[in-house]
Amino acid sequence: MNMTEMGEVVAYLLRYRSAERLPGSGRKRRAAREGQLSERDVCALIDDASDIEREGLRDFLAGQGLRLKVFETGDYPGIAPGSRYYALLPDPELEQPPLYTREPVFEALKLRQESRAELAQWYLQLWLLMHTLLYTRYNRALSDVSRYQEATFSGVELAELMREQLEALRALGEAAPETSRGLLEERGEDITRRVRAFIELQVRAGLLESPRDSGEASAVDPEGESVGEVWQQTLLGALESEQIGIHQLGHLQALARGLEEAPGSGQERCAQEDAIESDGHDEEATA
């Protein structure tokens, strides 16, 4: 792997965040596009690289606060026999350079002239509720990465959960957190539109995908009514959620035990920033 090829591999990984030698779940390998290698070529270059070349690739990525993790058949479900799965993840021990911003997240969720704080609240609420559907509903811990294939939800379910959240906030009246009151100004189809934009962000970041060859492209409720398109967590999404839980949200466990600062002392701002960090990074990389 020469320097030009290394740059092409990094460009591909920044765009898609993952690559598979033999994609599972019926997904076709990504073909080459103008200025971009094919998925087959990227995997071949990494597979065939010498130890020195791989070390150079690791150093190159580390300079951007990233690391490439490699998983073999048997490490997690969904990795086909004879395949290998490459995942590009932020390195929690390294600082992310300023070229990765959260702007794409704010732009995607903006409907009018909301402040960044209001948009961060929308993102945080949707991110937490999505994890309720992907984890709490399935009695999963963030460390249950191997169960990612069973974690599905529909956009309709996420929107309904968001509506319930807003009703609970309204019921609190003046006791509702001041930072969350801006959510109560939603109008008409605001929730549906923001949920759609939020899911599109997750899909573009490689954290969600539409199930393939599983008969779950759409779902119905117990009464037989359609609840819309279904989305499934990806292996990359599960790996990143585990990493966020361990390295970014660990302080919330201490907070729940009353060992951290009092509510409103900055912890909520930290949670907002941590929750949108990965997707702001992903979308900037794909711009």
C-alpha atoms as a PDB file:
ATOM      1  CA  MET A   1       0.000   0.000   0.000  1.00  0.00           C
ATOM      2  CA  ASN A   2       1.667   3.209  -1.157  1.00  0.00           C
ATOM      3  CA  MET A   3       0.800   6.677   0.137  1.00  0.00           C
ATOM      4  CA  THR A   4      -1.724   7.302  -2.629  1.00  0.00           C
ATOM      5  CA  GLU A   5      -3.524   4.034  -1.903  1.00  0.00           C
ATOM      6  CA  MET A   6      -3.464   4.780   1.831  1.00  0.00           C
ATOM      7  CA  GLY A   7      -5.137   8.116   1.168  1.00  0.00           C
ATOM      8  CA  GLU A   8      -7.796   6.392  -0.946  1.00  0.00           C
ATOM      9  CA  VAL A   9      -8.436   3.826   1.796  1.00  0.00           C
ATOM     10  CA  VAL A  10      -8.810   6.580   4.398  1.00  0.00           C
ATOM     11  CA  ALA A  11     -11.137   8.552   2.094  1.00  0.00           C
ATOM     12  CA  TYR A  12     -13.347   5.476   1.714  1.00  0.00           C
ATOM     13  CA  LEU A  13     -13.424   4.811   5.461  1.00  0.00           C
ATOM     14  CA  LEU A  14     -14.278   8.430   6.226  1.00  0.00           C
ATOM     15  CA  ARG A  15     -17.150   8.182   3.759  1.00  0.00           C
ATOM     16  CA  TYR A  16     -18.661   4.852   4.844  1.00  0.00           C
ATOM     17  CA  ARG A  17     -17.145   4.198   8.297  1.00  0.00           C
ATOM     18  CA  SER A  18     -17.010   0.438   7.641  1.00  0.00           C
ATOM     19  CA  ALA A  19     -15.997  -2.090   4.995  1.00  0.00           C
ATOM     20  CA  GLU A  20     -16.572  -5.839   4.666  1.00  0.00           C
ATOM     21  CA  ARG A  21     -14.649  -8.368   2.649  1.00  0.00           C
ATOM     22  CA  LEU A  22     -17.880 -10.370   2.109  1.00  0.00           C
ATOM     23  CA  PRO A  23     -20.885  -8.245   3.154  1.00  0.00           C
ATOM     24  CA  GLY A  24     -23.533 -10.108   5.123  1.00  0.00           C
ATOM     25  CA  SER A  25     -27.324  -9.695   5.236  1.00  0.00           C
ATOM     26  CA  GLY A  26     -27.571  -9.699   1.454  1.00  0.00           C
ATOM     27  CA  ARG A  27     -25.883  -6.315   1.034  1.00  0.00           C
ATOM     28  CA  LYS A  28     -23.989  -5.870  -2.216  1.00  0.00           C
ATOM     29  CA  ARG A  29     -20.419  -4.660  -2.091  1.00  0.00           C
ATOM     30  CA  ARG A  30     -20.091  -0.950  -2.751  1.00  0.00           C
ATOM     31  CA  ALA A  31     -18.858  -0.316  -6.251  1.00  0.00           C
ATOM     32  CA  ALA A  32     -16.173   2.168  -7.204  1.00  0.00           C
ATOM     33  CA  ARG A  33     -17.325   5.713  -7.852  1.00  0.00           C
ATOM     34  CA  GLU A  34     -15.540   8.743  -9.256  1.00  0.00           C
ATOM     35  CA  GLY A  35     -12.550   9.434  -7.050  1.00  0.00           C
ATOM     36  CA  GLN A  36     -13.433   6.546  -4.728  1.00  0.00           C
ATOM     37  CA  LEU A  37     -12.192   2.952  -4.511  1.00  0.00           C
ATOM     38  CA  SER A  38     -14.590   0.021  -4.454  1.00  0.00           C
ATOM     39  CA  GLU A  39     -15.220  -1.814  -1.183  1.00  0.00           C
ATOM     40  CA  ARG A  40     -13.494  -4.892  -2.621  1.00  0.00           C
ATOM     41  CA  ASP A  41     -10.338  -2.895  -3.387  1.00  0.00           C
ATOM     42  CA  VAL A  42     -10.286  -1.220   0.032  1.00  0.00           C
ATOM     43  CA  CYS A  43     -10.487  -4.564   1.839  1.00  0.00           C
ATOM     44  CA  ALA A  44      -7.818  -6.060  -0.445  1.00  0.00           C
ATOM     45  CA  LEU A  45      -5.427  -3.171   0.193  1.00  0.00           C
ATOM     46  CA  ILE A  46      -5.824  -3.462   3.966  1.00  0.00           C
ATOM     47  CA  ASP A  47      -5.598  -7.275   3.894  1.00  0.00           C
ATOM     48  CA  ASP A  48      -2.445  -7.248   1.775  1.00  0.00           C
ATOM     49  CA  ALA A  49      -0.688  -4.415   3.617  1.00  0.00           C
ATOM     50  CA  SER A  50       2.578  -5.185   5.390  1.00  0.00           C
ATOM     51  CA  ASP A  51       2.977  -4.625   9.114  1.00  0.00           C
ATOM     52  CA  ILE A  52       4.838  -1.371   8.425  1.00  0.00           C
ATOM     53  CA  GLU A  53       2.093  -0.177   6.065  1.00  0.00           C
ATOM     54  CA  ARG A  54      -0.614  -1.016   8.595  1.00  0.00           C
ATOM     55  CA  GLU A  55       1.269   0.857  11.266  1.00  0.00           C
ATOM     56  CA  GLY A  56       1.442   3.839   8.923  1.00  0.00           C
ATOM     57  CA  LEU A  57      -2.331   3.614   8.372  1.00  0.00           C
ATOM     58  CA  ARG A  58      -2.936   3.476  12.130  1.00  0.00           C
ATOM     59  CA  ASP A  59      -0.723   6.522  12.674  1.00  0.00           C
ATOM     60  CA  PHE A  60      -2.482   8.394   9.872  1.00  0.00           C
ATOM     61  CA  LEU A  61      -5.893   7.750  11.434  1.00  0.00           C
ATOM     62  CA  ALA A  62      -4.666   8.454  14.960  1.00  0.00           C
ATOM     63  CA  GLY A  63      -3.707  11.945  13.828  1.00  0.00           C
ATOM     64  CA  GLN A  64      -7.412  12.506  13.177  1.00  0.00           C
ATOM     65  CA  GLY A  65      -8.530  10.999  16.472  1.00  0.00           C
ATOM     66  CA  LEU A  66      -9.656   7.763  14.817  1.00  0.00           C
ATOM     67  CA  ARG A  67      -8.778   4.093  14.894  1.00  0.00           C
ATOM     68  CA  LEU A  68      -9.588   1.142  12.664  1.00  0.00           C
ATOM     69  CA  LYS A  69     -10.903  -1.949  14.427  1.00  0.00           C
ATOM     70  CA  VAL A  70     -10.915  -5.332  12.691  1.00  0.00           C
ATOM     71  CA  PHE A  71     -13.383  -8.140  13.407  1.00  0.00           C
ATOM     72  CA  GLU A  72     -13.255 -11.694  12.093  1.00  0.00           C
ATOM     73  CA  THR A  73     -15.912 -14.319  11.423  1.00  0.00           C
ATOM     74  CA  GLY A  74     -17.308 -15.416  14.762  1.00  0.00           C
ATOM     75  CA  ASP A  75     -16.526 -12.198  16.595  1.00  0.00           C
ATOM     76  CA  TYR A  76     -20.083 -10.953  16.057  1.00  0.00           C
ATOM     77  CA  PRO A  77     -23.200 -12.306  14.309  1.00  0.00           C
ATOM     78  CA  GLY A  78     -23.626 -11.154  10.723  1.00  0.00           C
ATOM     79  CA  ILE A  79     -19.962 -11.430   9.738  1.00  0.00           C
ATOM     80  CA  ALA A  80     -19.998 -14.025   6.959  1.00  0.00           C
ATOM     81  CA  PRO A  81     -17.659 -17.046   6.963  1.00  0.00           C
ATOM     82  CA  GLY A  82     -14.324 -16.040   5.484  1.00  0.00           C
ATOM     83  CA  SER A  83     -15.172 -12.369   5.768  1.00  0.00           C
ATOM     84  CA  ARG A  84     -13.600  -9.564   7.758  1.00  0.00           C
ATOM     85  CA  TYR A  85     -15.296  -6.416   9.066  1.00  0.00           C
ATOM     86  CA  TYR A  86     -13.428  -3.114   9.345  1.00  0.00           C
ATOM     87  CA  ALA A  87     -14.982  -0.389  11.522  1.00  0.00           C
ATOM     88  CA  LEU A  88     -13.658   3.170  11.782  1.00  0.00           C
ATOM     89  CA  LEU A  89     -14.361   4.526  15.280  1.00  0.00           C
ATOM     90  CA  PRO A  90     -13.398   7.692  17.167  1.00  0.00           C
ATOM     91  CA  ASP A  91     -10.600   6.904  19.592  1.00  0.00           C
ATOM     92  CA  PRO A  92     -11.840   7.887  23.072  1.00  0.00           C
ATOM     93  CA  GLU A  93      -8.272   8.445  24.220  1.00  0.00           C
ATOM     94  CA  LEU A  94      -7.555  11.019  21.510  1.00  0.00           C
ATOM     95  CA  GLU A  95      -8.925  14.502  20.960  1.00  0.00           C
ATOM     96  CA  GLN A  96     -11.009  15.017  17.836  1.00  0.00           C
ATOM     97  CA  PRO A  97      -9.547  17.696  15.548  1.00  0.00           C
ATOM     98  CA  PRO A  98     -11.668  20.799  14.825  1.00  0.00           C
ATOM     99  CA  LEU A  99     -12.412  19.834  11.219  1.00  0.00           C
ATOM    100  CA  TYR A 100     -15.108  17.470  12.541  1.00  0.00           C
ATOM    101  CA  THR A 101     -18.106  19.598  13.488  1.00  0.00           C
ATOM    102  CA  ARG A 102     -21.696  19.164  14.603  1.00  0.00           C
ATOM    103  CA  GLU A 103     -23.038  21.576  11.986  1.00  0.00           C
ATOM    104  CA  PRO A 104     -24.546  18.881   9.702  1.00  0.00           C
ATOM    105  CA  VAL A 105     -26.617  17.626  12.656  1.00  0.00           C
ATOM    106  CA  PHE A 106     -27.943  21.097  13.449  1.00  0.00           C
ATOM    107  CA  GLU A 107     -28.707  21.793   9.783  1.00  0.00           C
ATOM    108  CA  ALA A 108     -30.589  18.510   9.358  1.00  0.00           C
ATOM    109  CA  LEU A 109     -32.868  19.092  12.369  1.00  0.00           C
ATOM    110  CA  LYS A 110     -33.513  22.797  11.791  1.00  0.00           C
ATOM    111  CA  LEU A 111     -37.044  23.639  10.671  1.00  0.00           C
ATOM    112  CA  ARG A 112     -37.138  27.365  11.378  1.00  0.00           C
ATOM    113  CA  GLN A 113     -34.743  29.627  13.324  1.00  0.00           C
ATOM    114  CA  GLU A 114     -34.163  27.445  16.374  1.00  0.00           C
ATOM    115  CA  SER A 115     -31.053  28.031  18.464  1.00  0.00           C
ATOM    116  CA  ARG A 116     -28.264  25.464  18.601  1.00  0.00           C
ATOM    117  CA  ALA A 117     -29.307  24.737  22.205  1.00  0.00           C
ATOM    118  CA  GLU A 118     -32.867  23.926  21.084  1.00  0.00           C
ATOM    119  CA  LEU A 119     -31.638  21.715  18.261  1.00  0.00           C
ATOM    120  CA  ALA A 120     -29.276  19.948  20.649  1.00  0.00           C
ATOM    121  CA  GLN A 121     -32.266  19.223  22.883  1.00  0.00           C
ATOM    122  CA  TRP A 122     -34.195  17.724  19.967  1.00  0.00           C
ATOM    123  CA  TYR A 123     -31.240  15.566  19.018  1.00  0.00           C
ATOM    124  CA  LEU A 124     -30.583  14.447  22.587  1.00  0.00           C
ATOM    125  CA  GLN A 125     -34.216  13.475  23.151  1.00  0.00           C
ATOM    126  CA  LEU A 126     -34.431  11.562  19.862  1.00  0.00           C
ATOM    127  CA  TRP A 127     -31.087   9.854  20.477  1.00  0.00           C
ATOM    128  CA  LEU A 128     -32.117   8.724  23.956  1.00  0.00           C
ATOM    129  CA  LEU A 129     -35.540   7.541  22.772  1.00  0.00           C
ATOM    130  CA  MET A 130     -33.974   5.638  19.879  1.00  0.00           C
ATOM    131  CA  HIS A 131     -31.795   3.848  22.403  1.00  0.00           C
ATOM    132  CA  THR A 132     -34.889   3.112  24.450  1.00  0.00           C
ATOM    133  CA  LEU A 133     -36.255   1.276  21.417  1.00  0.00           C
ATOM    134  CA  LEU A 134     -32.939  -0.420  20.587  1.00  0.00           C
ATOM    135  CA  TYR A 135     -31.897  -1.362  24.110  1.00  0.00           C
ATOM    136  CA  THR A 136     -34.452  -0.946  26.899  1.00  0.00           C
ATOM    137  CA  ARG A 137     -37.219  -2.571  24.869  1.00  0.00           C
ATOM    138  CA  TYR A 138     -35.013  -5.605  24.220  1.00  0.00           C
ATOM    139  CA  ASN A 139     -33.568  -5.670  27.741  1.00  0.00           C
ATOM    140  CA  ARG A 140     -30.119  -5.032  26.268  1.00  0.00           C
ATOM    141  CA  ALA A 141     -27.141  -3.373  27.834  1.00  0.00           C
ATOM    142  CA  LEU A 142     -24.928  -1.120  25.722  1.00  0.00           C
ATOM    143  CA  SER A 143     -22.324  -3.871  25.981  1.00  0.00           C
ATOM    144  CA  ASP A 144     -24.665  -6.350  24.242  1.00  0.00           C
ATOM    145  CA  VAL A 145     -23.136  -5.604  20.853  1.00  0.00           C
ATOM    146  CA  SER A 146     -23.735  -9.112  19.499  1.00  0.00           C
ATOM    147  CA  ARG A 147     -27.519  -8.601  19.689  1.00  0.00           C
ATOM    148  CA  TYR A 148     -27.500  -5.738  17.192  1.00  0.00           C
ATOM    149  CA  GLN A 149     -29.381  -7.697  14.522  1.00  0.00           C
ATOM    150  CA  GLU A 150     -32.497  -8.057  16.661  1.00  0.00           C
ATOM    151  CA  ALA A 151     -32.613  -4.346  17.479  1.00  0.00           C
ATOM    152  CA  THR A 152     -35.198  -2.779  15.161  1.00  0.00           C
ATOM    153  CA  PHE A 153     -37.777  -0.001  15.346  1.00  0.00           C
ATOM    154  CA  SER A 154     -39.931   2.049  13.008  1.00  0.00           C
ATOM    155  CA  GLY A 155     -39.996   5.780  12.474  1.00  0.00           C
ATOM    156  CA  VAL A 156     -43.626   5.816  13.559  1.00  0.00           C
ATOM    157  CA  GLU A 157     -42.672   4.232  16.889  1.00  0.00           C
ATOM    158  CA  LEU A 158     -39.945   6.798  17.487  1.00  0.00           C
ATOM    159  CA  ALA A 159     -42.320   9.665  16.655  1.00  0.00           C
ATOM    160  CA  GLU A 160     -44.974   8.309  19.004  1.00  0.00           C
ATOM    161  CA  LEU A 161     -42.442   7.922  21.804  1.00  0.00           C
ATOM    162  CA  MET A 162     -41.377  11.536  21.227  1.00  0.00           C
ATOM    163  CA  ARG A 163     -45.003  12.687  21.481  1.00  0.00           C
ATOM    164  CA  GLU A 164     -45.385  10.816  24.767  1.00  0.00           C
ATOM    165  CA  GLN A 165     -42.229  12.494  26.017  1.00  0.00           C
ATOM    166  CA  LEU A 166     -43.611  15.935  25.189  1.00  0.00           C
ATOM    167  CA  GLU A 167     -46.926  15.167  26.886  1.00  0.00           C
ATOM    168  CA  ALA A 168     -45.025  14.128  30.009  1.00  0.00           C
ATOM    169  CA  LEU A 169     -43.134  17.449  29.878  1.00  0.00           C
ATOM    170  CA  ARG A 170     -46.386  19.417  29.495  1.00  0.00           C
ATOM    171  CA  ALA A 171     -47.839  17.606  32.483  1.00  0.00           C
ATOM    172  CA  LEU A 172     -44.976  18.905  34.613  1.00  0.00           C
ATOM    173  CA  GLY A 173     -46.009  22.491  33.965  1.00  0.00           C
ATOM    174  CA  GLU A 174     -43.632  24.969  35.593  1.00  0.00           C
ATOM    175  CA  ALA A 175     -41.662  22.064  37.044  1.00  0.00           C
ATOM    176  CA  ALA A 176     -40.469  21.071  33.555  1.00  0.00           C
ATOM    177  CA  PRO A 177     -36.713  21.664  33.037  1.00  0.00           C
ATOM    178  CA  GLU A 178     -36.180  25.086  31.516  1.00  0.00           C
ATOM    179  CA  THR A 179     -33.770  23.681  28.942  1.00  0.00           C
ATOM    180  CA  SER A 180     -36.470  21.320  27.636  1.00  0.00           C
ATOM    181  CA  ARG A 181     -39.368  23.775  27.385  1.00  0.00           C
ATOM    182  CA  GLY A 182     -38.434  24.782  23.858  1.00  0.00           C
ATOM    183  CA  LEU A 183     -39.520  21.313  22.735  1.00  0.00           C
ATOM    184  CA  LEU A 184     -43.090  22.167  23.674  1.00  0.00           C
ATOM    185  CA  GLU A 185     -43.259  24.770  20.898  1.00  0.00           C
ATOM    186  CA  GLU A 186     -43.455  22.078  18.218  1.00  0.00           C
ATOM    187  CA  ARG A 187     -46.110  22.603  15.546  1.00  0.00           C
ATOM    188  CA  GLY A 188     -48.090  20.272  13.320  1.00  0.00           C
ATOM    189  CA  GLU A 189     -45.766  17.780  11.670  1.00  0.00           C
ATOM    190  CA  ASP A 190     -42.617  19.005  13.432  1.00  0.00           C
ATOM    191  CA  ILE A 191     -42.085  15.699  15.237  1.00  0.00           C
ATOM    192  CA  THR A 192     -42.510  13.589  12.105  1.00  0.00           C
ATOM    193  CA  ARG A 193     -40.146  15.815  10.128  1.00  0.00           C
ATOM    194  CA  ARG A 194     -37.472  15.856  12.814  1.00  0.00           C
ATOM    195  CA  VAL A 195     -37.718  12.086  13.315  1.00  0.00           C
ATOM    196  CA  ARG A 196     -37.284  11.573   9.581  1.00  0.00           C
ATOM    197  CA  ALA A 197     -34.242  13.883   9.502  1.00  0.00           C
ATOM    198  CA  PHE A 198     -32.778  12.209  12.597  1.00  0.00           C
ATOM    199  CA  ILE A 199     -33.109   8.721  11.106  1.00  0.00           C
ATOM    200  CA  GLU A 200     -31.556   9.901   7.840  1.00  0.00           C
ATOM    201  CA  LEU A 201     -28.572  11.182   9.834  1.00  0.00           C
ATOM    202  CA  GLN A 202     -28.179   7.787  11.497  1.00  0.00           C
ATOM    203  CA  VAL A 203     -28.417   5.964   8.164  1.00  0.00           C
ATOM    204  CA  ARG A 204     -25.898   8.259   6.460  1.00  0.00           C
ATOM    205  CA  ALA A 205     -23.558   7.771   9.396  1.00  0.00           C
ATOM    206  CA  GLY A 206     -23.789   3.978   8.974  1.00  0.00           C
ATOM    207  CA  LEU A 207     -25.421   3.474  12.393  1.00  0.00           C
ATOM    208  CA  LEU A 208     -28.816   2.287  11.086  1.00  0.00           C
ATOM    209  CA  GLU A 209     -29.883   0.408   7.987  1.00  0.00           C
ATOM    210  CA  SER A 210     -33.029  -1.050   6.473  1.00  0.00           C
ATOM    211  CA  PRO A 211     -33.187  -4.821   7.152  1.00  0.00           C
ATOM    212  CA  ARG A 212     -32.415  -6.902   4.064  1.00  0.00           C
ATOM    213  CA  ASP A 213     -33.855 -10.255   3.101  1.00  0.00           C
ATOM    214  CA  SER A 214     -35.605 -10.491   6.454  1.00  0.00           C
ATOM    215  CA  GLY A 215     -39.167  -9.636   5.536  1.00  0.00           C
ATOM    216  CA  GLU A 216     -39.042  -6.656   7.916  1.00  0.00           C
ATOM    217  CA  ALA A 217     -38.914  -3.749   5.465  1.00  0.00           C
ATOM    218  CA  SER A 218     -42.167  -2.610   7.081  1.00  0.00           C
ATOM    219  CA  ALA A 219     -43.979  -3.608  10.246  1.00  0.00           C
ATOM    220  CA  VAL A 220     -47.510  -3.848  11.623  1.00  0.00           C
ATOM    221  CA  ASP A 221     -48.846  -3.323  15.124  1.00  0.00           C
ATOM    222  CA  PRO A 222     -50.852  -5.954  17.063  1.00  0.00           C
ATOM    223  CA  GLU A 223     -54.016  -4.733  15.354  1.00  0.00           C
ATOM    224  CA  GLY A 224     -52.552  -5.248  11.904  1.00  0.00           C
ATOM    225  CA  GLU A 225     -51.984  -1.572  11.128  1.00  0.00           C
ATOM    226  CA  SER A 226     -48.795  -0.565   9.345  1.00  0.00           C
ATOM    227  CA  VAL A 227     -46.287   1.306  11.507  1.00  0.00           C
ATOM    228  CA  GLY A 228     -44.044   2.295   8.620  1.00  0.00           C
ATOM    229  CA  GLU A 229     -40.514   1.489   7.547  1.00  0.00           C
ATOM    230  CA  VAL A 230     -38.363  -0.511   9.943  1.00  0.00           C
ATOM    231  CA  TRP A 231     -34.766   0.341  10.787  1.00  0.00           C
ATOM    232  CA  GLN A 232     -32.130  -1.991  12.196  1.00  0.00           C
ATOM    233  CA  GLN A 233     -29.005  -1.131  14.137  1.00  0.00           C
ATOM    234  CA  THR A 234     -25.759  -1.893  12.320  1.00  0.00           C
ATOM    235  CA  LEU A 235     -22.715  -3.539  13.860  1.00  0.00           C
ATOM    236  CA  LEU A 236     -20.963  -0.177  13.593  1.00  0.00           C
ATOM    237  CA  GLY A 237     -23.878   1.449  15.420  1.00  0.00           C
ATOM    238  CA  ALA A 238     -23.744  -1.105  18.233  1.00  0.00           C
ATOM    239  CA  LEU A 239     -19.981  -0.743  18.573  1.00  0.00           C
ATOM    240  CA  GLU A 240     -20.256   3.027  18.727  1.00  0.00           C
ATOM    241  CA  SER A 241     -23.088   2.952  21.287  1.00  0.00           C
ATOM    242  CA  GLU A 242     -20.992   0.667  23.472  1.00  0.00           C
ATOM    243  CA  GLN A 243     -18.059   3.062  23.194  1.00  0.00           C
ATOM    244  CA  ILE A 244     -20.208   6.107  24.011  1.00  0.00           C
ATOM    245  CA  GLY A 245     -21.658   4.303  27.013  1.00  0.00           C
ATOM    246  CA  ILE A 246     -18.239   3.408  28.368  1.00  0.00           C
ATOM    247  CA  HIS A 247     -16.262   6.545  27.594  1.00  0.00           C
ATOM    248  CA  GLN A 248     -18.725   9.438  27.258  1.00  0.00           C
ATOM    249  CA  LEU A 249     -21.792   8.643  29.381  1.00  0.00           C
ATOM    250  CA  GLY A 250     -20.127   6.885  32.282  1.00  0.00           C
ATOM    251  CA  HIS A 251     -20.589   9.982  34.440  1.00  0.00           C
ATOM    252  CA  LEU A 252     -24.373   9.509  34.242  1.00  0.00           C
ATOM    253  CA  GLN A 253     -24.115   6.325  36.301  1.00  0.00           C
ATOM    254  CA  ALA A 254     -22.365   8.231  39.055  1.00  0.00           C
ATOM    255  CA  LEU A 255     -24.885  11.054  38.671  1.00  0.00           C
ATOM    256  CA  ALA A 256     -27.736   8.591  39.227  1.00  0.00           C
ATOM    257  CA  ARG A 257     -26.058   7.528  42.456  1.00  0.00           C
ATOM    258  CA  GLY A 258     -25.834  11.127  43.581  1.00  0.00           C
ATOM    259  CA  LEU A 259     -22.060  11.233  43.350  1.00  0.00           C
ATOM    260  CA  GLU A 260     -21.797  13.865  40.655  1.00  0.00           C
ATOM    261  CA  GLU A 261     -22.774  17.519  40.497  1.00  0.00           C
ATOM    262  CA  ALA A 262     -26.329  18.608  41.123  1.00  0.00           C
ATOM    263  CA  PRO A 263     -28.756  18.696  38.146  1.00  0.00           C
ATOM    264  CA  GLY A 264     -28.321  21.703  35.891  1.00  0.00           C
ATOM    265  CA  SER A 265     -24.657  22.105  36.772  1.00  0.00           C
ATOM    266  CA  GLY A 266     -23.352  21.261  33.323  1.00  0.00           C
ATOM    267  CA  GLN A 267     -23.929  17.511  33.149  1.00  0.00           C
ATOM    268  CA  GLU A 268     -26.894  17.946  30.817  1.00  0.00           C
ATOM    269  CA  ARG A 269     -24.792  20.023  28.437  1.00  0.00           C
ATOM    270  CA  CYS A 270     -22.163  17.267  28.465  1.00  0.00           C
ATOM    271  CA  ALA A 271     -24.777  14.658  27.605  1.00  0.00           C
ATOM    272  CA  GLN A 272     -26.054  16.769  24.707  1.00  0.00           C
ATOM    273  CA  GLU A 273     -22.569  17.220  23.278  1.00  0.00           C
ATOM    274  CA  ASP A 274     -21.587  13.560  23.752  1.00  0.00           C
ATOM    275  CA  ALA A 275     -24.754  12.279  22.117  1.00  0.00           C
ATOM    276  CA  ILE A 276     -24.305  14.277  18.907  1.00  0.00           C
ATOM    277  CA  GLU A 277     -20.504  13.993  18.726  1.00  0.00           C
ATOM    278  CA  SER A 278     -20.338  10.846  16.597  1.00  0.00           C
ATOM    279  CA  ASP A 279     -22.989  11.895  14.076  1.00  0.00           C
ATOM    280  CA  GLY A 280     -21.572  15.373  13.619  1.00  0.00           C
ATOM    281  CA  HIS A 281     -18.235  13.653  12.958  1.00  0.00           C
ATOM    282  CA  ASP A 282     -19.791  11.156  10.552  1.00  0.00           C
ATOM    283  CA  GLU A 283     -21.774  13.681   8.545  1.00  0.00           C
ATOM    284  CA  GLU A 284     -18.833  16.062   8.183  1.00  0.00           C
ATOM    285  CA  ALA A 285     -16.759  13.188   6.941  1.00  0.00           C
ATOM    286  CA  THR A 286     -19.358  12.323   4.305  1.00  0.00           C
ATOM    287  CA  ALA A 287     -19.949  15.894   3.149  1.00  0.00           C
END
